[in-house]
Amino acid sequence: MLLPAEIIQERLRAAVAEVCPEADLTTVQVRPCPDPKFGDYQAVALMSLAKARRIQPRQLAAEVLGRLDVRDLCESVEVAGPGFVNFRLRPEAVAAALAAAAHEPVPFVTRAAVPRTIVVDFSSPNVAKPMHVGHIRSTILGDSLARTLRRLGHHVITDNHLGDWGTQFGMLLLGWKRFLDRDALARDAIGEMERLYKTVHAACQEDAALMEAARRELVALQRGDEENLAIWREMTARSRAEFDRIYERLGVRFDHTLGESFYHPRLQSVVDEFVRLGLARESEGAKVVFFDDVPELKDTPLIIQKSDGAFNYATTDLATLAYRVETWHPDEILYVTDGRQQLHFRQVFAAFRKWRPDAAHVKLVHVWFGSILGEDGKPFKTRSGDTVKLEDLLDEAEERALEVVTAKQPELPEAERRRIARVVGIGAVKYADLLSNRQSDYVFSWDRMLSLSGNTAPYLQYAYARIASIFRKGGLTQEAARASVEKGLSLQTPEELALGRHLLDFGLVLQAVAEDYRPNYLCNYLYELAGRFTRFYETCPVLKAAEPERSHRLYLCEVTARVLRLGLDTLGVEVLEQM
């Protein structure tokens, strides 16, 4: 099923091709109009095409519109400003598109005609360390992008690149052998491993012999010592079990969890190949990649092997890229990490391009994000100044949500209140993180994120539950509402039309999220959808309306609920039939 915007775009491209045969038609796109008072959709590409041809944009627009016929879909097509083309849909075109989506599992979303294979690297906690608040942005953002891309029909491979190898394991091994408390390990494995590391690290600062002992433990591990490997495997297994428990709470799944250790055997061959190809050379004993041909990196060479022979993150990331390209044959690889790693990924991507020109077609993207701040504007910490552990954050989210639920519905059984609190609390944390522009820092506020008013997950969850209550109150099913428009749908009021027009944009918003890697577009779309539904519901009686308005309005309720549920699911947020 092609939506009106897609049909208009096809016809517009055909008209442009007649006037500008040399034009790149992929740049000719029809997107929702930023301001509804000017129209439903807008095309801006004619301005850049006119500039390339050195003619006035409005002149080119007039030529193109002379070859464009969309009268069956649009009640008006206007050239505005310096050359914008605005389209306003006919009410009957909106109604027909809405009715056609009655039995679509994902309404108003056109799956990719040519699916892409996209690898998404996100979360990446370190073994033997607790996941903290800093991991939440990568985990939630990466998961929402993977969900969006899958919803659009792409083949997505998610990979959690664990930090499970490195110099810290020397101290961990030494601590495990000398100071391990087995009972504490059974109660809180990561907490005990964190204690061991801190204990040995502090002791090593005072005792050079202890530091040497830790170094020997690391060397033994790297050489394959069976005792050290067995301890390392237990550390990794216990850490992964703890991580998986948190991922389960968040509803996050990974296709692969290939840690740094997986790539360690490949690192020397990566360095050797860089040297053999003349892409790296020795500098003060280290093997270094220089970027003389990349102006923005000319003064920041990349070390891929230290002077003592050790490898680093860059070496591992190059080996990881090579493995992913060779194994999964992706069209695109996304790395979802914080903004402090921007230079690192620019260097790694540039080095990889030099090394593997055969992979030039693979798009490499660093999807970076800002920090979480406390309400004092400083990095978000506990009252004692420690880093906030992710599990503690999720616990507090559920407890605070439970207080709200209990205050509003004390008569509910405790198990039911806790179930609602889990969905509302976890959803509130996720949504607040995704709502901000990912490249901005945002202020973490419990009161704001758990509010039932404003652009929050609880507000949207409540909007969905309110629609579900309409069907319960009327003793109706959503299936019956969908069946009621098989003979057509009529939209009579401005509120019905405004809601219907907004619903049609769901797939276009998902495409924008995928193009710019910004789930906040979807958050804002859903918030506006809930607002439009509220205005419709307050103005247009539903259950008390006469037929056929009653059936038509019930269908508007049903399809709004479907888009709200699917949209929130794309963000990783659950809904409730009752709140």
Protein backbone atom coordinates (compact mmCIF):
# COMPACT_ATOMS: atom_id res chain seq x y z
CA MET A 1 0.00 0.00 0.00
CA LEU A 2 1.47 3.32 -1.10
CA LEU A 3 0.63 6.29 1.08
CA PRO A 4 -0.40 9.66 -0.39
CA ALA A 5 3.02 11.19 0.34
CA GLU A 6 4.75 8.33 -1.51
CA ILE A 7 2.45 8.64 -4.52
CA ILE A 8 2.99 12.40 -4.65
CA GLN A 9 6.76 11.85 -4.39
CA GLU A 10 6.74 9.34 -7.29
CA ARG A 11 4.79 11.70 -9.50
CA LEU A 12 6.93 14.68 -8.51
CA ARG A 13 10.11 12.78 -9.40
CA ALA A 14 8.64 11.88 -12.78
CA ALA A 15 7.80 15.54 -13.43
CA VAL A 16 11.29 16.64 -12.34
CA ALA A 17 12.85 14.03 -14.65
CA GLU A 18 11.01 15.58 -17.61
CA VAL A 19 12.31 19.06 -16.80
CA CYS A 20 15.77 18.08 -15.43
CA PRO A 21 16.80 14.75 -16.99
CA GLU A 22 20.21 15.00 -15.31
CA ALA A 23 18.79 15.44 -11.78
CA ASP A 24 19.47 12.98 -8.98
CA LEU A 25 15.88 12.01 -8.24
CA THR A 26 16.73 10.53 -4.83
CA THR A 27 17.11 14.11 -3.56
CA VAL A 28 13.50 14.86 -4.52
CA GLN A 29 11.61 13.98 -1.36
CA VAL A 30 8.17 14.77 -0.02
CA ARG A 31 8.10 15.18 3.75
CA PRO A 32 5.60 16.44 6.34
CA CYS A 33 5.25 20.21 6.19
CA PRO A 34 6.93 21.81 9.25
CA ASP A 35 3.93 24.11 9.75
CA PRO A 36 0.48 22.55 9.02
CA LYS A 37 -0.99 25.94 8.12
CA PHE A 38 1.03 25.83 4.87
CA GLY A 39 0.03 22.29 3.91
CA ASP A 40 0.38 18.61 4.76
CA TYR A 41 3.57 17.89 2.79
CA GLN A 42 6.45 19.84 1.40
CA ALA A 43 9.24 19.38 -1.17
CA VAL A 44 12.36 21.56 -0.96
CA ALA A 45 14.67 19.92 -3.51
CA LEU A 46 13.69 22.19 -6.38
CA MET A 47 15.66 25.04 -4.81
CA SER A 48 18.97 23.16 -4.97
CA LEU A 49 18.18 21.83 -8.45
CA ALA A 50 17.46 25.38 -9.62
CA LYS A 51 20.72 26.63 -8.14
CA ALA A 52 22.65 23.95 -10.04
CA ARG A 53 20.92 25.03 -13.29
CA ARG A 54 21.37 28.73 -12.44
CA ILE A 55 17.70 29.59 -12.75
CA GLN A 56 15.16 30.98 -10.29
CA PRO A 57 13.67 28.27 -8.03
CA ARG A 58 10.14 29.56 -8.50
CA GLN A 59 10.62 29.39 -12.29
CA LEU A 60 11.76 25.76 -12.05
CA ALA A 61 8.89 24.96 -9.69
CA ALA A 62 6.40 26.38 -12.15
CA GLU A 63 7.86 24.24 -14.96
CA VAL A 64 7.73 21.10 -12.83
CA LEU A 65 4.21 21.73 -11.53
CA GLY A 66 3.05 22.19 -15.10
CA ARG A 67 3.89 18.50 -15.62
CA LEU A 68 2.53 17.29 -12.26
CA ASP A 69 -0.99 16.03 -11.78
CA VAL A 70 -1.99 15.17 -8.21
CA ARG A 71 -5.56 16.47 -8.33
CA ASP A 72 -6.90 13.10 -7.20
CA LEU A 73 -4.93 13.45 -3.93
CA CYS A 74 -4.46 17.16 -3.31
CA GLU A 75 -6.90 20.03 -2.98
CA SER A 76 -4.04 22.49 -3.43
CA VAL A 77 -0.40 22.58 -4.58
CA GLU A 78 1.40 25.87 -3.99
CA VAL A 79 4.86 27.33 -4.48
CA ALA A 80 5.84 29.30 -1.40
CA GLY A 81 8.77 31.43 -0.29
CA PRO A 82 11.95 30.99 -2.32
CA GLY A 83 10.74 27.74 -3.93
CA PHE A 84 9.07 25.42 -1.41
CA VAL A 85 6.31 23.28 -2.90
CA ASN A 86 3.47 22.65 -0.46
CA PHE A 87 0.78 20.00 -0.87
CA ARG A 88 -2.54 19.87 0.98
CA LEU A 89 -4.42 16.57 0.85
CA ARG A 90 -8.08 16.17 0.01
CA PRO A 91 -10.13 14.91 2.98
CA GLU A 92 -11.29 11.92 0.94
CA ALA A 93 -7.64 11.00 0.18
CA VAL A 94 -6.86 11.07 3.90
CA ALA A 95 -9.91 8.93 4.67
CA ALA A 96 -9.09 6.41 1.95
CA ALA A 97 -5.50 5.99 3.18
CA LEU A 98 -6.71 5.55 6.77
CA ALA A 99 -9.27 2.93 5.78
CA ALA A 100 -6.75 1.05 3.66
CA ALA A 101 -4.59 0.57 6.77
CA ALA A 102 -7.35 -1.24 8.68
CA HIS A 103 -5.74 -4.64 8.38
CA GLU A 104 -2.11 -3.60 8.06
CA PRO A 105 -0.04 -5.05 10.95
CA VAL A 106 2.08 -1.88 10.94
CA PRO A 107 -0.11 0.89 9.50
CA PHE A 108 1.31 3.74 7.44
CA VAL A 109 4.80 2.21 7.26
CA THR A 110 6.23 1.13 3.91
CA ARG A 111 8.98 -1.43 4.36
CA ALA A 112 12.23 -0.87 2.47
CA ALA A 113 12.09 -2.05 -1.14
CA VAL A 114 15.79 -2.92 -0.91
CA PRO A 115 16.54 -3.92 2.71
CA ARG A 116 19.97 -3.05 4.03
CA THR A 117 22.09 -5.10 6.42
CA ILE A 118 22.98 -2.88 9.37
CA VAL A 119 25.17 -3.76 12.35
CA VAL A 120 24.42 -1.81 15.55
CA ASP A 121 27.13 -1.82 18.25
CA PHE A 122 25.82 -0.55 21.58
CA SER A 123 25.88 -0.83 25.38
CA SER A 124 29.35 -2.46 25.78
CA PRO A 125 29.81 -2.70 29.57
CA ASN A 126 33.06 -3.91 31.13
CA VAL A 127 33.39 -7.31 32.75
CA ALA A 128 33.76 -7.20 36.57
CA LYS A 129 32.31 -3.69 36.74
CA PRO A 130 28.68 -2.73 37.41
CA MET A 131 26.67 -1.13 34.65
CA HIS A 132 26.15 2.50 35.59
CA VAL A 133 24.02 5.41 34.48
CA GLY A 134 26.48 6.14 31.66
CA HIS A 135 25.51 2.87 29.99
CA ILE A 136 21.84 3.73 29.82
CA ARG A 137 22.09 6.16 26.92
CA SER A 138 24.03 3.77 24.69
CA THR A 139 21.80 0.82 25.60
CA ILE A 140 18.46 2.57 25.14
CA LEU A 141 19.47 4.61 22.08
CA GLY A 142 21.05 1.60 20.35
CA ASP A 143 18.04 -0.59 21.07
CA SER A 144 15.56 1.99 19.77
CA LEU A 145 17.55 2.48 16.56
CA ALA A 146 17.70 -1.29 16.01
CA ARG A 147 13.93 -1.51 16.54
CA THR A 148 13.30 1.37 14.14
CA LEU A 149 15.45 -0.11 11.40
CA ARG A 150 13.82 -3.53 11.77
CA ARG A 151 10.36 -1.96 11.63
CA LEU A 152 11.35 -0.39 8.31
CA GLY A 153 12.28 -3.81 6.96
CA HIS A 154 16.07 -3.77 7.25
CA HIS A 155 18.17 -6.73 8.38
CA VAL A 156 19.66 -5.62 11.69
CA ILE A 157 22.46 -7.37 13.60
CA THR A 158 23.03 -6.17 17.16
CA ASP A 159 26.39 -6.78 18.83
CA ASN A 160 27.31 -6.04 22.45
CA HIS A 161 31.09 -5.47 22.34
CA LEU A 162 31.99 -6.39 25.94
CA GLY A 163 35.12 -5.06 27.61
CA ASP A 164 36.39 -8.49 28.66
CA TRP A 165 40.15 -8.20 28.07
CA GLY A 166 42.88 -5.82 29.13
CA THR A 167 45.34 -4.75 31.78
CA GLN A 168 42.73 -4.58 34.59
CA PHE A 169 42.56 -8.37 34.63
CA GLY A 170 46.03 -8.63 36.10
CA MET A 171 44.80 -6.88 39.26
CA LEU A 172 41.52 -8.79 39.22
CA LEU A 173 43.31 -12.14 39.00
CA LEU A 174 45.65 -11.21 41.84
CA GLY A 175 42.73 -10.05 43.97
CA TRP A 176 40.72 -13.19 43.16
CA LYS A 177 43.55 -15.45 44.33
CA ARG A 178 44.40 -13.49 47.49
CA PHE A 179 41.30 -11.69 48.73
CA LEU A 180 38.19 -13.37 47.25
CA ASP A 181 35.14 -13.71 49.52
CA ARG A 182 33.15 -16.59 48.00
CA ASP A 183 30.01 -15.79 49.99
CA ALA A 184 30.08 -12.20 48.80
CA LEU A 185 30.66 -13.44 45.23
CA ALA A 186 27.53 -15.59 45.49
CA ARG A 187 25.46 -12.67 46.81
CA ASP A 188 26.71 -9.95 44.46
CA ALA A 189 29.27 -11.14 41.93
CA ILE A 190 30.01 -7.80 40.28
CA GLY A 191 30.07 -5.99 43.63
CA GLU A 192 32.68 -8.44 44.93
CA MET A 193 34.80 -8.17 41.76
CA GLU A 194 34.63 -4.40 41.97
CA ARG A 195 35.83 -4.62 45.60
CA LEU A 196 38.73 -6.88 44.58
CA TYR A 197 39.86 -4.48 41.86
CA LYS A 198 39.69 -1.43 44.13
CA THR A 199 41.55 -3.27 46.91
CA VAL A 200 44.40 -4.43 44.68
CA HIS A 201 44.59 -1.16 42.73
CA ALA A 202 45.00 0.83 45.96
CA ALA A 203 47.58 -1.64 47.29
CA CYS A 204 49.57 -1.52 44.05
CA GLN A 205 49.94 2.24 44.39
CA GLU A 206 51.83 1.60 47.63
CA ASP A 207 53.66 -1.63 46.78
CA ALA A 208 55.73 -1.99 43.60
CA ALA A 209 56.14 -5.74 44.25
CA LEU A 210 52.36 -6.16 44.22
CA MET A 211 52.14 -4.24 40.94
CA GLU A 212 54.73 -6.61 39.47
CA ALA A 213 52.75 -9.60 40.75
CA ALA A 214 49.62 -8.26 39.00
CA ARG A 215 51.60 -7.81 35.79
CA ARG A 216 52.77 -11.43 35.98
CA GLU A 217 49.18 -12.62 36.40
CA LEU A 218 48.21 -10.69 33.27
CA VAL A 219 51.09 -12.12 31.26
CA ALA A 220 50.13 -15.61 32.39
CA LEU A 221 46.54 -15.02 31.26
CA GLN A 222 47.66 -13.73 27.87
CA ARG A 223 49.90 -16.78 27.42
CA GLY A 224 47.02 -19.15 28.10
CA ASP A 225 47.70 -20.24 31.69
CA GLU A 226 44.86 -22.68 32.49
CA GLU A 227 44.24 -21.52 36.05
CA ASN A 228 44.05 -17.86 35.05
CA LEU A 229 41.89 -18.64 32.03
CA ALA A 230 39.47 -20.57 34.25
CA ILE A 231 39.19 -17.63 36.68
CA TRP A 232 38.79 -15.18 33.78
CA ARG A 233 36.00 -17.34 32.31
CA GLU A 234 34.19 -17.37 35.65
CA MET A 235 34.51 -13.59 35.96
CA THR A 236 33.10 -13.18 32.46
CA ALA A 237 30.25 -15.66 32.97
CA ARG A 238 29.18 -14.10 36.26
CA SER A 239 29.36 -10.59 34.78
CA ARG A 240 27.31 -11.57 31.75
CA ALA A 241 24.66 -13.14 33.98
CA GLU A 242 24.35 -9.83 35.86
CA PHE A 243 24.25 -7.83 32.64
CA ASP A 244 21.61 -10.12 31.15
CA ARG A 245 19.40 -9.63 34.19
CA ILE A 246 19.48 -5.86 33.65
CA TYR A 247 18.92 -6.24 29.91
CA GLU A 248 15.90 -8.42 30.70
CA ARG A 249 14.44 -5.62 32.83
CA LEU A 250 15.02 -3.18 29.98
CA GLY A 251 13.62 -5.51 27.32
CA VAL A 252 16.89 -5.37 25.38
CA ARG A 253 18.19 -8.30 23.31
CA PHE A 254 21.44 -8.83 21.41
CA ASP A 255 22.13 -11.11 18.46
CA HIS A 256 25.80 -11.38 19.41
CA THR A 257 28.00 -10.60 22.40
CA LEU A 258 31.53 -10.72 21.01
CA GLY A 259 33.89 -9.14 23.50
CA GLU A 260 37.40 -7.77 23.08
CA SER A 261 38.83 -11.21 23.91
CA PHE A 262 37.24 -12.64 20.74
CA TYR A 263 39.43 -10.38 18.61
CA HIS A 264 42.65 -10.61 20.64
CA PRO A 265 44.17 -13.45 18.54
CA ARG A 266 43.74 -11.32 15.40
CA LEU A 267 45.47 -8.16 16.60
CA GLN A 268 49.09 -8.94 15.69
CA SER A 269 48.13 -9.86 12.15
CA VAL A 270 46.22 -6.55 11.83
CA VAL A 271 49.33 -4.59 12.85
CA ASP A 272 51.57 -6.68 10.59
CA GLU A 273 49.31 -6.04 7.63
CA PHE A 274 49.24 -2.30 8.24
CA VAL A 275 53.05 -2.29 8.32
CA ARG A 276 53.36 -4.55 5.24
CA LEU A 277 51.04 -2.28 3.23
CA GLY A 278 52.99 0.81 4.30
CA LEU A 279 49.98 2.20 6.17
CA ALA A 280 51.71 2.22 9.56
CA ARG A 281 55.30 2.90 10.48
CA GLU A 282 57.41 2.83 13.59
CA SER A 283 57.60 5.97 15.70
CA GLU A 284 59.47 5.95 19.02
CA GLY A 285 59.08 2.18 19.13
CA ALA A 286 55.32 2.18 18.52
CA LYS A 287 53.46 1.27 15.32
CA VAL A 288 51.54 4.33 14.18
CA VAL A 289 49.11 5.25 11.39
CA PHE A 290 49.62 8.81 10.12
CA PHE A 291 46.92 10.73 8.26
CA ASP A 292 48.91 13.08 6.06
CA ASP A 293 46.14 12.94 3.45
CA VAL A 294 43.32 13.66 5.92
CA PRO A 295 43.57 17.37 6.88
CA GLU A 296 41.41 17.19 10.02
CA LEU A 297 43.48 14.26 11.36
CA LYS A 298 46.92 15.37 10.19
CA ASP A 299 48.04 16.27 13.71
CA THR A 300 46.46 13.25 15.46
CA PRO A 301 48.17 9.98 14.39
CA LEU A 302 46.71 6.67 15.58
CA ILE A 303 48.81 4.23 17.63
CA ILE A 304 47.90 0.61 16.86
CA GLN A 305 50.72 -1.05 18.85
CA LYS A 306 52.52 0.49 21.80
CA SER A 307 56.29 0.53 22.18
CA ASP A 308 56.06 -2.34 24.71
CA GLY A 309 54.21 -4.48 22.16
CA ALA A 310 50.78 -4.06 23.74
CA PHE A 311 47.67 -3.41 21.67
CA ASN A 312 44.92 -0.87 22.41
CA TYR A 313 41.30 -0.03 21.66
CA ALA A 314 42.17 1.12 18.15
CA THR A 315 43.74 -2.23 17.26
CA THR A 316 40.72 -4.10 18.60
CA ASP A 317 38.26 -1.82 16.80
CA LEU A 318 40.07 -2.31 13.48
CA ALA A 319 39.98 -6.08 13.92
CA THR A 320 36.31 -5.86 14.87
CA LEU A 321 35.46 -3.86 11.76
CA ALA A 322 37.24 -6.36 9.55
CA TYR A 323 35.43 -9.29 11.16
CA ARG A 324 32.02 -7.65 10.81
CA VAL A 325 32.59 -6.80 7.15
CA GLU A 326 33.86 -10.30 6.32
CA THR A 327 31.26 -12.20 8.35
CA TRP A 328 28.02 -10.24 8.11
CA HIS A 329 28.59 -8.29 4.84
CA PRO A 330 26.85 -5.15 6.14
CA ASP A 331 25.88 -2.07 4.21
CA GLU A 332 26.22 0.03 7.35
CA ILE A 333 27.77 -0.21 10.82
CA LEU A 334 26.61 2.03 13.68
CA TYR A 335 28.62 2.64 16.85
CA VAL A 336 26.48 4.10 19.64
CA THR A 337 28.80 5.68 22.22
CA ASP A 338 29.26 8.95 24.07
CA GLY A 339 30.58 12.08 22.39
CA ARG A 340 34.02 11.86 24.00
CA GLN A 341 34.93 9.12 21.52
CA GLN A 342 34.38 11.22 18.40
CA LEU A 343 38.07 11.64 17.59
CA HIS A 344 38.77 7.96 18.23
CA PHE A 345 36.15 6.82 15.74
CA ARG A 346 37.19 9.39 13.12
CA GLN A 347 40.72 7.96 13.35
CA VAL A 348 39.61 4.32 13.31
CA PHE A 349 37.26 4.85 10.35
CA ALA A 350 39.96 6.72 8.41
CA ALA A 351 42.54 3.99 9.14
CA PHE A 352 40.08 1.29 8.10
CA ARG A 353 39.35 3.08 4.81
CA LYS A 354 43.08 3.05 4.03
CA TRP A 355 43.40 -0.60 4.97
CA ARG A 356 40.27 -2.02 3.36
CA PRO A 357 39.37 -0.13 0.17
CA ASP A 358 37.31 -3.19 -0.78
CA ALA A 359 34.86 -2.15 1.97
CA ALA A 360 34.42 1.41 0.70
CA HIS A 361 30.71 0.75 0.16
CA VAL A 362 30.13 0.10 3.89
CA LYS A 363 28.80 3.19 5.65
CA LEU A 364 30.51 3.73 9.02
CA VAL A 365 28.66 5.94 11.50
CA HIS A 366 29.49 7.08 15.02
CA VAL A 367 26.12 7.80 16.64
CA TRP A 368 27.30 9.86 19.58
CA PHE A 369 25.41 11.32 22.49
CA GLY A 370 25.80 13.82 25.32
CA SER A 371 25.82 13.36 29.09
CA ILE A 372 23.18 12.95 31.76
CA LEU A 373 23.23 15.82 34.26
CA GLY A 374 21.76 16.18 37.71
CA GLU A 375 19.33 18.99 38.46
CA ASP A 376 22.32 21.04 39.62
CA GLY A 377 23.63 20.96 36.04
CA LYS A 378 26.60 18.77 36.97
CA PRO A 379 27.21 15.12 35.94
CA PHE A 380 24.52 12.91 37.48
CA LYS A 381 25.86 11.32 40.70
CA THR A 382 24.60 9.85 43.95
CA ARG A 383 24.36 12.13 46.97
CA SER A 384 27.71 10.79 48.13
CA GLY A 385 29.26 11.70 44.79
CA ASP A 386 29.52 8.14 43.43
CA THR A 387 28.51 7.03 39.95
CA VAL A 388 24.85 5.94 39.88
CA LYS A 389 24.56 2.20 39.29
CA LEU A 390 22.08 1.34 36.56
CA GLU A 391 20.32 -1.32 38.63
CA ASP A 392 19.83 1.13 41.50
CA LEU A 393 18.40 3.66 39.04
CA LEU A 394 15.88 1.13 37.70
CA ASP A 395 14.93 0.09 41.24
CA GLU A 396 14.27 3.69 42.18
CA ALA A 397 12.25 4.26 39.00
CA GLU A 398 9.95 1.37 39.89
CA GLU A 399 9.62 2.42 43.53
CA ARG A 400 8.78 6.02 42.63
CA ALA A 401 6.25 4.83 40.05
CA LEU A 402 4.75 2.51 42.68
CA GLU A 403 4.20 5.50 44.97
CA VAL A 404 2.31 7.30 42.19
CA VAL A 405 0.22 4.23 41.31
CA THR A 406 -0.60 3.54 44.98
CA ALA A 407 -1.67 7.15 45.54
CA LYS A 408 -4.01 7.04 42.53
CA GLN A 409 -5.32 3.46 42.80
CA PRO A 410 -4.79 2.16 46.35
CA GLU A 411 -7.55 -0.42 45.90
CA LEU A 412 -5.54 -2.43 43.36
CA PRO A 413 -3.80 -5.60 44.62
CA GLU A 414 -0.11 -5.02 45.35
CA ALA A 415 1.02 -7.40 42.58
CA GLU A 416 -0.98 -5.42 40.04
CA ARG A 417 0.34 -2.09 41.34
CA ARG A 418 3.90 -3.41 41.07
CA ARG A 419 3.29 -4.65 37.52
CA ILE A 420 2.02 -1.22 36.49
CA ALA A 421 4.90 0.48 38.34
CA ARG A 422 7.45 -1.63 36.47
CA VAL A 423 6.03 -0.68 33.06
CA VAL A 424 5.59 2.99 33.98
CA GLY A 425 8.91 3.39 35.82
CA ILE A 426 11.15 1.70 33.25
CA GLY A 427 9.25 3.35 30.41
CA ALA A 428 9.66 6.78 32.00
CA VAL A 429 13.45 6.40 32.26
CA LYS A 430 13.77 5.19 28.67
CA TYR A 431 11.52 7.84 27.18
CA ALA A 432 13.18 10.72 29.05
CA ASP A 433 16.52 9.61 27.65
CA LEU A 434 15.25 9.34 24.06
CA LEU A 435 13.23 12.56 24.15
CA SER A 436 16.24 14.87 24.19
CA ASN A 437 18.36 15.59 21.15
CA ARG A 438 20.93 12.81 21.55
CA GLN A 439 23.84 15.20 21.00
CA SER A 440 22.74 17.40 23.88
CA ASP A 441 23.24 16.87 27.58
CA TYR A 442 19.97 16.46 29.45
CA VAL A 443 18.90 16.99 33.04
CA PHE A 444 17.64 13.91 34.87
CA SER A 445 14.45 14.79 36.78
CA TRP A 446 12.28 12.16 38.47
CA ASP A 447 9.33 14.52 38.84
CA ARG A 448 9.35 15.47 35.18
CA MET A 449 9.80 11.99 33.73
CA LEU A 450 7.07 10.40 35.90
CA SER A 451 4.53 13.16 35.29
CA LEU A 452 1.17 12.25 33.74
CA SER A 453 1.19 15.57 31.89
CA GLY A 454 3.66 16.88 29.34
CA ASN A 455 5.83 14.96 26.92
CA THR A 456 6.49 11.86 29.05
CA ALA A 457 6.06 8.11 28.74
CA PRO A 458 3.34 7.99 31.46
CA TYR A 459 1.32 10.60 29.54
CA LEU A 460 1.50 8.52 26.34
CA GLN A 461 0.86 5.25 28.18
CA TYR A 462 -2.18 6.86 29.76
CA ALA A 463 -3.40 8.05 26.35
CA TYR A 464 -3.21 4.48 25.08
CA ALA A 465 -4.99 3.11 28.17
CA ARG A 466 -7.73 5.72 27.80
CA ILE A 467 -8.45 4.55 24.25
CA ALA A 468 -8.53 0.93 25.46
CA SER A 469 -11.11 1.99 28.06
CA ILE A 470 -13.39 3.34 25.31
CA PHE A 471 -13.64 -0.13 23.82
CA ARG A 472 -14.18 -1.76 27.22
CA LYS A 473 -16.90 0.76 28.07
CA GLY A 474 -18.67 0.12 24.77
CA GLY A 475 -18.23 -3.65 24.96
CA LEU A 476 -16.46 -3.53 21.60
CA THR A 477 -13.39 -5.09 20.05
CA GLN A 478 -10.74 -3.36 18.01
CA GLU A 479 -11.21 -6.03 15.33
CA ALA A 480 -14.83 -4.91 14.92
CA ALA A 481 -13.70 -1.30 14.58
CA ARG A 482 -11.34 -2.27 11.77
CA ALA A 483 -14.05 -4.26 10.00
CA SER A 484 -16.44 -1.32 10.17
CA VAL A 485 -14.50 0.71 7.58
CA GLU A 486 -14.29 -1.99 4.90
CA LYS A 487 -16.89 -0.04 2.90
CA GLY A 488 -15.10 3.26 3.43
CA LEU A 489 -14.43 5.99 5.95
CA SER A 490 -15.68 9.55 6.17
CA LEU A 491 -13.97 12.39 8.05
CA GLN A 492 -16.30 15.31 8.69
CA THR A 493 -14.81 17.54 11.36
CA PRO A 494 -11.52 19.51 11.46
CA GLU A 495 -10.44 17.46 14.49
CA GLU A 496 -11.00 14.16 12.65
CA LEU A 497 -9.02 15.42 9.68
CA ALA A 498 -6.17 16.75 11.80
CA LEU A 499 -5.87 13.41 13.60
CA GLY A 500 -6.10 11.44 10.37
CA ARG A 501 -3.48 13.52 8.58
CA HIS A 502 -1.08 13.13 11.51
CA LEU A 503 -1.54 9.34 11.58
CA LEU A 504 -0.45 9.11 7.94
CA ASP A 505 2.99 10.49 8.85
CA PHE A 506 4.00 7.60 11.15
CA GLY A 507 6.18 5.84 8.56
CA LEU A 508 7.76 9.08 7.36
CA VAL A 509 8.77 9.88 10.93
CA LEU A 510 10.34 6.43 11.32
CA GLN A 511 12.31 7.06 8.13
CA ALA A 512 13.54 10.39 9.52
CA VAL A 513 14.60 8.64 12.75
CA ALA A 514 16.56 6.09 10.71
CA GLU A 515 18.16 8.72 8.47
CA ASP A 516 19.36 10.97 11.29
CA TYR A 517 19.60 8.39 14.12
CA ARG A 518 17.35 10.56 16.29
CA PRO A 519 14.51 8.81 18.17
CA ASN A 520 13.43 12.17 19.61
CA TYR A 521 11.61 12.73 16.29
CA LEU A 522 9.37 9.78 17.14
CA CYS A 523 8.87 10.94 20.74
CA ASN A 524 7.65 14.32 19.54
CA TYR A 525 5.43 12.73 16.87
CA LEU A 526 3.73 10.48 19.45
CA TYR A 527 3.25 13.38 21.87
CA GLU A 528 1.57 15.42 19.15
CA LEU A 529 -0.52 12.38 18.16
CA ALA A 530 -1.79 12.04 21.74
CA GLY A 531 -2.60 15.75 21.78
CA ARG A 532 -4.52 15.58 18.52
CA PHE A 533 -6.42 12.56 19.76
CA THR A 534 -7.38 14.42 22.95
CA ARG A 535 -8.73 17.36 20.93
CA PHE A 536 -10.67 14.95 18.69
CA TYR A 537 -12.11 13.00 21.63
CA GLU A 538 -13.11 16.13 23.54
CA THR A 539 -14.84 17.61 20.47
CA CYS A 540 -16.32 14.57 18.72
CA PRO A 541 -18.59 12.18 20.68
CA VAL A 542 -17.69 8.57 19.98
CA LEU A 543 -19.86 6.04 21.80
CA LYS A 544 -22.86 8.40 21.82
CA ALA A 545 -22.57 9.35 18.14
CA ALA A 546 -25.11 8.11 15.60
CA GLU A 547 -24.07 5.72 12.85
CA PRO A 548 -22.05 5.84 10.67
CA GLU A 549 -20.10 8.50 12.62
CA ARG A 550 -19.88 6.19 15.63
CA SER A 551 -18.13 3.41 13.68
CA HIS A 552 -15.88 5.84 11.85
CA ARG A 553 -14.80 7.52 15.09
CA LEU A 554 -14.26 4.19 16.81
CA TYR A 555 -11.94 3.26 13.96
CA LEU A 556 -10.01 6.52 14.46
CA CYS A 557 -9.65 5.53 18.12
CA GLU A 558 -8.48 2.04 17.17
CA VAL A 559 -5.88 3.11 14.62
CA THR A 560 -4.58 5.82 16.97
CA ALA A 561 -4.12 3.19 19.69
CA ARG A 562 -2.32 0.93 17.21
CA VAL A 563 0.12 3.66 16.19
CA LEU A 564 0.71 4.70 19.81
CA ARG A 565 1.45 1.10 20.80
CA LEU A 566 3.72 0.45 17.81
CA GLY A 567 5.47 3.79 18.20
CA LEU A 568 6.17 3.25 21.89
CA ASP A 569 7.30 -0.31 21.17
CA THR A 570 9.75 1.10 18.63
CA LEU A 571 11.17 3.17 21.49
CA GLY A 572 11.26 0.08 23.71
CA VAL A 573 8.42 1.35 25.92
CA GLU A 574 5.58 -0.97 26.95
CA VAL A 575 1.90 -0.01 27.18
CA LEU A 576 -0.88 -0.99 29.59
CA GLU A 577 -4.53 -1.66 28.86
CA GLN A 578 -5.41 -0.11 32.23
CA MET A 579 -3.59 2.46 34.38
